């Protein structure tokens, strides 16, 4: 049978909580210190270990298989890098050629007008 103790604020009976030194009054919420002779020890908890299912992989044994699985990913990454290095040089070169060609077209298109005004 659990003994009770009165609240210091409202006088209501309170049952001590297991494993606690302090608790709130169940009626008014006042913080109470549980008297030492009424403190209940906490119930022990059972810790269960999980069953061993799949063993952890050994890198020495599984390395060839892991490398074989990773090889297509590595090849795709390398190919992407090679394409990027080509594009990194090709795009500025193409843009430079395009701008120079545009300027030449403008200059050559204006050449008859310039020559015509000089000869008149």
N, C-alpha and C. Protein backbone atom coordinates (compact mmCIF):
# COMPACT_ATOMS: atom_id res chain seq x y z
N UNK A 1 0.84 -1.18 0.00
CA UNK A 1 0.00 0.00 0.00
C UNK A 1 0.89 1.23 0.00
N UNK A 2 0.56 2.19 -0.85
CA UNK A 2 1.32 3.41 -0.97
C UNK A 2 0.80 4.44 0.00
N UNK A 3 1.72 5.03 0.73
CA UNK A 3 1.33 6.09 1.67
C UNK A 3 1.26 7.41 0.93
N UNK A 4 0.50 8.34 1.49
CA UNK A 4 0.37 9.66 0.91
C UNK A 4 0.95 10.68 1.88
N UNK A 5 1.22 11.88 1.33
CA UNK A 5 1.67 12.99 2.16
C UNK A 5 0.92 14.24 1.71
N UNK A 6 0.67 15.19 2.62
CA UNK A 6 -0.14 16.36 2.26
C UNK A 6 0.69 17.41 1.51
N UNK A 7 0.00 18.16 0.64
CA UNK A 7 0.60 19.29 -0.08
C UNK A 7 0.77 20.44 0.91
N UNK A 8 1.89 21.15 0.81
CA UNK A 8 2.13 22.27 1.73
C UNK A 8 1.27 23.47 1.37
N UNK A 9 0.76 23.56 0.13
CA UNK A 9 -0.04 24.71 -0.28
C UNK A 9 -1.53 24.49 -0.07
N UNK A 10 -2.05 23.33 -0.55
CA UNK A 10 -3.50 23.12 -0.50
C UNK A 10 -3.91 22.03 0.49
N UNK A 11 -2.98 21.21 0.96
CA UNK A 11 -3.29 20.17 1.93
C UNK A 11 -3.83 18.89 1.32
N UNK A 12 -3.90 18.78 -0.01
CA UNK A 12 -4.44 17.59 -0.67
C UNK A 12 -3.45 16.44 -0.52
N UNK A 13 -3.96 15.21 -0.47
CA UNK A 13 -3.06 14.06 -0.35
C UNK A 13 -2.38 13.76 -1.70
N UNK A 14 -1.10 13.43 -1.66
CA UNK A 14 -0.33 13.11 -2.86
C UNK A 14 0.40 11.80 -2.65
N UNK A 15 0.38 10.96 -3.69
CA UNK A 15 1.12 9.69 -3.66
C UNK A 15 2.48 9.94 -4.29
N UNK A 16 3.57 9.50 -3.65
CA UNK A 16 4.90 9.74 -4.21
C UNK A 16 5.11 8.96 -5.50
N UNK A 17 5.87 9.56 -6.43
CA UNK A 17 6.18 8.91 -7.70
C UNK A 17 7.47 8.12 -7.54
N UNK A 18 7.53 6.96 -8.18
CA UNK A 18 8.70 6.08 -8.05
C UNK A 18 9.92 6.72 -8.68
N UNK A 19 11.05 6.68 -7.97
CA UNK A 19 12.32 7.17 -8.49
C UNK A 19 12.45 8.68 -8.49
N UNK A 20 11.53 9.41 -7.86
CA UNK A 20 11.56 10.86 -7.87
C UNK A 20 11.85 11.40 -6.48
N UNK A 21 12.51 12.56 -6.43
CA UNK A 21 12.74 13.26 -5.17
C UNK A 21 11.76 14.42 -5.07
N UNK A 22 11.45 15.01 -6.23
CA UNK A 22 10.49 16.12 -6.27
C UNK A 22 9.36 15.75 -7.21
N UNK A 23 8.20 16.35 -6.99
CA UNK A 23 7.04 16.12 -7.85
C UNK A 23 6.09 17.31 -7.74
N UNK A 24 5.14 17.40 -8.64
CA UNK A 24 4.13 18.45 -8.60
C UNK A 24 2.88 17.91 -7.91
N UNK A 25 2.21 18.76 -7.16
CA UNK A 25 0.95 18.38 -6.50
C UNK A 25 -0.07 18.05 -7.57
N UNK A 26 -0.78 16.95 -7.41
CA UNK A 26 -1.76 16.53 -8.41
C UNK A 26 -2.98 17.44 -8.44
N UNK A 27 -3.18 18.27 -7.42
CA UNK A 27 -4.35 19.15 -7.36
C UNK A 27 -4.03 20.59 -7.74
N UNK A 28 -2.97 21.15 -7.13
CA UNK A 28 -2.70 22.58 -7.37
C UNK A 28 -1.42 22.82 -8.17
N UNK A 29 -0.58 21.81 -8.38
CA UNK A 29 0.61 21.95 -9.20
C UNK A 29 1.82 22.50 -8.46
N UNK A 30 1.76 22.67 -7.17
CA UNK A 30 2.88 23.18 -6.38
C UNK A 30 4.01 22.16 -6.40
N UNK A 31 5.27 22.65 -6.51
CA UNK A 31 6.42 21.76 -6.46
C UNK A 31 6.60 21.26 -5.04
N UNK A 32 6.67 19.93 -4.90
CA UNK A 32 6.78 19.31 -3.58
C UNK A 32 8.05 18.47 -3.52
N UNK A 33 8.67 18.43 -2.36
CA UNK A 33 9.77 17.51 -2.10
C UNK A 33 9.18 16.32 -1.36
N UNK A 34 9.41 15.13 -1.92
CA UNK A 34 8.86 13.92 -1.31
C UNK A 34 9.65 13.62 -0.05
N UNK A 35 8.98 13.40 1.08
CA UNK A 35 9.69 13.06 2.32
C UNK A 35 10.55 11.81 2.12
N UNK A 36 11.71 11.79 2.74
CA UNK A 36 12.68 10.72 2.52
C UNK A 36 12.12 9.34 2.88
N UNK A 37 11.33 9.24 3.91
CA UNK A 37 10.81 7.94 4.32
C UNK A 37 9.71 7.42 3.37
N UNK A 38 9.20 8.29 2.46
CA UNK A 38 8.16 7.86 1.50
C UNK A 38 8.70 7.67 0.07
N UNK A 39 9.97 7.95 -0.14
CA UNK A 39 10.53 7.82 -1.50
C UNK A 39 10.57 6.36 -1.92
N UNK A 40 10.16 6.11 -3.16
CA UNK A 40 10.10 4.76 -3.70
C UNK A 40 11.23 4.61 -4.70
N UNK A 41 11.96 3.50 -4.60
CA UNK A 41 13.05 3.26 -5.54
C UNK A 41 12.46 2.96 -6.93
N UNK A 42 13.16 3.38 -7.99
CA UNK A 42 12.63 3.11 -9.35
C UNK A 42 12.71 1.63 -9.67
N UNK A 43 11.80 1.19 -10.52
CA UNK A 43 11.80 -0.20 -10.95
C UNK A 43 12.96 -0.41 -11.91
N UNK A 44 13.66 -1.53 -11.81
CA UNK A 44 14.78 -1.78 -12.73
C UNK A 44 14.26 -2.00 -14.14
N UNK A 45 15.02 -1.50 -15.10
CA UNK A 45 14.64 -1.68 -16.50
C UNK A 45 15.46 -2.81 -17.10
N UNK A 46 14.85 -3.54 -17.98
CA UNK A 46 15.51 -4.66 -18.65
C UNK A 46 16.05 -4.16 -19.98
N UNK A 47 17.33 -4.35 -20.17
CA UNK A 47 17.96 -3.95 -21.42
C UNK A 47 18.19 -5.21 -22.23
N UNK A 48 17.58 -5.27 -23.38
CA UNK A 48 17.74 -6.44 -24.22
C UNK A 48 18.70 -6.11 -25.36
N UNK A 49 19.55 -7.05 -25.68
CA UNK A 49 20.48 -6.86 -26.78
C UNK A 49 19.83 -7.38 -28.05
N UNK A 50 19.98 -6.66 -29.15
CA UNK A 50 19.35 -7.13 -30.39
C UNK A 50 20.03 -8.39 -30.90
N UNK A 51 19.24 -9.22 -31.52
CA UNK A 51 19.77 -10.46 -32.08
C UNK A 51 20.68 -10.13 -33.25
N UNK A 52 21.76 -10.85 -33.36
CA UNK A 52 22.71 -10.62 -34.45
C UNK A 52 22.13 -11.25 -35.72
N UNK A 53 21.89 -10.41 -36.69
CA UNK A 53 21.33 -10.90 -37.94
C UNK A 53 22.42 -11.05 -38.99
N UNK A 54 22.62 -10.01 -39.74
CA UNK A 54 23.60 -10.02 -40.82
C UNK A 54 24.95 -9.58 -40.26
N UNK A 55 26.00 -10.33 -40.50
CA UNK A 55 27.31 -9.92 -40.00
C UNK A 55 27.80 -8.68 -40.75
N UNK A 56 28.65 -7.91 -40.10
CA UNK A 56 29.18 -6.71 -40.74
C UNK A 56 30.12 -7.13 -41.86
N UNK A 57 30.15 -6.35 -42.95
CA UNK A 57 31.00 -6.73 -44.08
C UNK A 57 32.48 -6.58 -43.73
N UNK A 58 33.28 -7.49 -44.23
CA UNK A 58 34.73 -7.44 -44.05
C UNK A 58 35.31 -6.82 -45.32
N UNK A 59 36.07 -5.74 -45.17
CA UNK A 59 36.60 -5.05 -46.34
C UNK A 59 37.59 -5.92 -47.11
N UNK A 60 38.34 -6.77 -46.42
CA UNK A 60 39.28 -7.62 -47.13
C UNK A 60 38.58 -8.63 -48.02
N UNK A 61 37.46 -9.16 -47.53
CA UNK A 61 36.74 -10.17 -48.30
C UNK A 61 35.84 -9.53 -49.36
N UNK A 62 35.24 -8.40 -49.04
CA UNK A 62 34.24 -7.80 -49.91
C UNK A 62 34.79 -6.73 -50.85
N UNK A 63 36.08 -6.40 -50.76
CA UNK A 63 36.64 -5.32 -51.58
C UNK A 63 36.47 -5.56 -53.08
N UNK A 64 36.77 -6.76 -53.61
CA UNK A 64 36.60 -6.94 -55.06
C UNK A 64 35.15 -6.72 -55.52
N UNK A 65 34.22 -7.20 -54.72
CA UNK A 65 32.81 -7.03 -55.08
C UNK A 65 32.40 -5.56 -55.02
N UNK A 66 32.86 -4.86 -53.98
CA UNK A 66 32.53 -3.43 -53.85
C UNK A 66 33.14 -2.63 -54.99
N UNK A 67 34.37 -2.94 -55.36
CA UNK A 67 35.02 -2.24 -56.48
C UNK A 67 34.30 -2.52 -57.80
N UNK A 68 33.86 -3.78 -57.98
CA UNK A 68 33.14 -4.12 -59.21
C UNK A 68 31.83 -3.34 -59.30
N UNK A 69 31.16 -3.16 -58.16
CA UNK A 69 29.91 -2.40 -58.15
C UNK A 69 30.15 -0.92 -58.36
N UNK A 70 31.28 -0.41 -57.88
CA UNK A 70 31.56 1.02 -57.97
C UNK A 70 32.16 1.42 -59.31
N UNK A 71 32.65 0.48 -60.09
CA UNK A 71 33.34 0.80 -61.33
C UNK A 71 32.47 1.56 -62.33
N UNK A 72 31.22 1.17 -62.59
CA UNK A 72 30.42 1.95 -63.55
C UNK A 72 30.20 3.39 -63.09
N UNK A 73 30.05 3.59 -61.79
CA UNK A 73 29.86 4.95 -61.28
C UNK A 73 31.12 5.76 -61.48
N UNK A 74 32.28 5.15 -61.24
CA UNK A 74 33.55 5.86 -61.41
C UNK A 74 33.78 6.19 -62.88
N UNK A 75 33.43 5.28 -63.78
CA UNK A 75 33.61 5.54 -65.21
C UNK A 75 32.72 6.70 -65.66
N UNK A 76 31.47 6.72 -65.21
CA UNK A 76 30.57 7.82 -65.57
C UNK A 76 31.07 9.14 -65.01
N UNK A 77 31.59 9.13 -63.80
CA UNK A 77 32.13 10.36 -63.22
C UNK A 77 33.33 10.85 -64.01
N UNK A 78 34.21 9.94 -64.41
CA UNK A 78 35.38 10.33 -65.19
C UNK A 78 34.96 10.89 -66.55
N UNK A 79 34.01 10.24 -67.21
CA UNK A 79 33.55 10.74 -68.50
C UNK A 79 32.92 12.12 -68.37
N UNK A 80 32.16 12.35 -67.32
CA UNK A 80 31.56 13.67 -67.09
C UNK A 80 32.65 14.72 -66.90
N UNK A 81 33.70 14.36 -66.18
CA UNK A 81 34.80 15.29 -65.96
C UNK A 81 35.50 15.62 -67.29
N UNK A 82 35.72 14.61 -68.13
CA UNK A 82 36.38 14.84 -69.42
C UNK A 82 35.52 15.74 -70.30
N UNK A 83 34.21 15.48 -70.35
CA UNK A 83 33.32 16.34 -71.14
C UNK A 83 33.36 17.78 -70.62
N UNK A 84 33.37 17.93 -69.31
CA UNK A 84 33.40 19.27 -68.73
C UNK A 84 34.69 19.99 -69.10
N UNK A 85 35.83 19.31 -69.07
CA UNK A 85 37.08 19.99 -69.41
C UNK A 85 37.08 20.42 -70.88
N UNK A 86 36.50 19.62 -71.77
CA UNK A 86 36.40 20.03 -73.18
C UNK A 86 35.46 21.21 -73.34
N UNK A 87 34.30 21.13 -72.70
CA UNK A 87 33.33 22.23 -72.82
C UNK A 87 33.86 23.52 -72.19
N UNK A 88 34.64 23.38 -71.14
CA UNK A 88 35.19 24.55 -70.47
C UNK A 88 36.11 25.35 -71.41
N UNK A 89 36.77 24.65 -72.34
CA UNK A 89 37.63 25.32 -73.31
C UNK A 89 36.88 25.64 -74.60
N UNK A 90 35.94 24.79 -74.97
CA UNK A 90 35.26 24.92 -76.25
C UNK A 90 34.27 26.08 -76.27
N UNK A 91 33.50 26.26 -75.21
CA UNK A 91 32.48 27.31 -75.20
C UNK A 91 33.10 28.71 -75.31
N UNK A 92 34.13 29.07 -74.53
CA UNK A 92 34.72 30.40 -74.73
C UNK A 92 35.34 30.57 -76.11
N UNK A 93 35.95 29.50 -76.65
CA UNK A 93 36.55 29.60 -77.98
C UNK A 93 35.46 29.84 -79.03
N UNK A 94 34.36 29.11 -78.96
CA UNK A 94 33.27 29.29 -79.92
C UNK A 94 32.66 30.69 -79.80
N UNK A 95 32.48 31.17 -78.57
CA UNK A 95 31.93 32.51 -78.39
C UNK A 95 32.87 33.57 -78.93
N UNK A 96 34.18 33.38 -78.76
CA UNK A 96 35.15 34.34 -79.29
C UNK A 96 35.10 34.36 -80.81
N UNK A 97 35.06 33.20 -81.44
CA UNK A 97 34.97 33.12 -82.89
C UNK A 97 33.68 33.75 -83.39
N UNK A 98 32.59 33.52 -82.69
CA UNK A 98 31.30 34.10 -83.08
C UNK A 98 31.33 35.62 -82.99
N UNK A 99 31.90 36.17 -81.95
CA UNK A 99 31.96 37.63 -81.80
C UNK A 99 32.88 38.24 -82.84
N UNK A 100 34.02 37.63 -83.08
CA UNK A 100 34.95 38.14 -84.10
C UNK A 100 34.30 38.07 -85.47
N UNK A 101 33.61 36.98 -85.76
CA UNK A 101 32.91 36.85 -87.05
C UNK A 101 31.82 37.91 -87.19
N UNK A 102 31.08 38.16 -86.13
CA UNK A 102 30.04 39.18 -86.17
C UNK A 102 30.65 40.57 -86.44
N UNK A 103 31.74 40.87 -85.77
CA UNK A 103 32.40 42.17 -85.97
C UNK A 103 32.95 42.30 -87.39
N UNK A 104 33.49 41.20 -87.92
CA UNK A 104 33.98 41.23 -89.31
C UNK A 104 32.82 41.45 -90.29
N UNK A 105 31.70 40.78 -90.05
CA UNK A 105 30.54 40.96 -90.93
C UNK A 105 30.04 42.41 -90.89
N UNK A 106 30.00 42.98 -89.70
CA UNK A 106 29.56 44.37 -89.57
C UNK A 106 30.55 45.29 -90.28
N UNK A 107 31.85 45.02 -90.08
CA UNK A 107 32.86 45.88 -90.70
C UNK A 107 32.83 45.73 -92.21
N UNK A 108 32.73 44.52 -92.72
CA UNK A 108 32.70 44.32 -94.18
C UNK A 108 31.39 44.80 -94.78
N UNK A 109 30.31 44.73 -94.02
CA UNK A 109 29.03 45.23 -94.52
C UNK A 109 29.03 46.74 -94.60
N UNK A 110 29.75 47.39 -93.73
CA UNK A 110 29.83 48.85 -93.73
C UNK A 110 30.89 49.35 -94.69
N UNK A 111 31.77 48.46 -95.16
CA UNK A 111 32.86 48.87 -96.04
C UNK A 111 32.38 49.54 -97.33
N UNK A 112 31.37 49.06 -98.04
CA UNK A 112 30.93 49.75 -99.26
C UNK A 112 30.43 51.17 -98.97
N UNK A 113 29.77 51.35 -97.83
CA UNK A 113 29.28 52.69 -97.51
C UNK A 113 30.44 53.64 -97.20
N UNK A 114 31.45 53.11 -96.50
CA UNK A 114 32.60 53.93 -96.15
C UNK A 114 33.38 54.28 -97.42
N UNK A 115 33.61 53.30 -98.27
CA UNK A 115 34.34 53.55 -99.54
C UNK A 115 33.54 54.47 -100.45
N UNK A 116 32.25 54.33 -100.47
CA UNK A 116 31.39 55.18 -101.31
C UNK A 116 31.44 56.62 -100.85
N UNK A 117 31.46 56.86 -99.55
CA UNK A 117 31.52 58.22 -99.06
C UNK A 117 32.91 58.82 -99.24
N UNK A 118 33.96 58.01 -99.24
CA UNK A 118 35.32 58.52 -99.46
C UNK A 118 35.55 58.85 -100.92
N UNK A 119 34.99 58.11 -101.83
CA UNK A 119 35.19 58.34 -103.26
C UNK A 119 34.32 59.48 -103.79
N UNK A 120 33.32 59.85 -103.16
CA UNK A 120 32.45 60.94 -103.62
C UNK A 120 33.00 62.25 -103.35
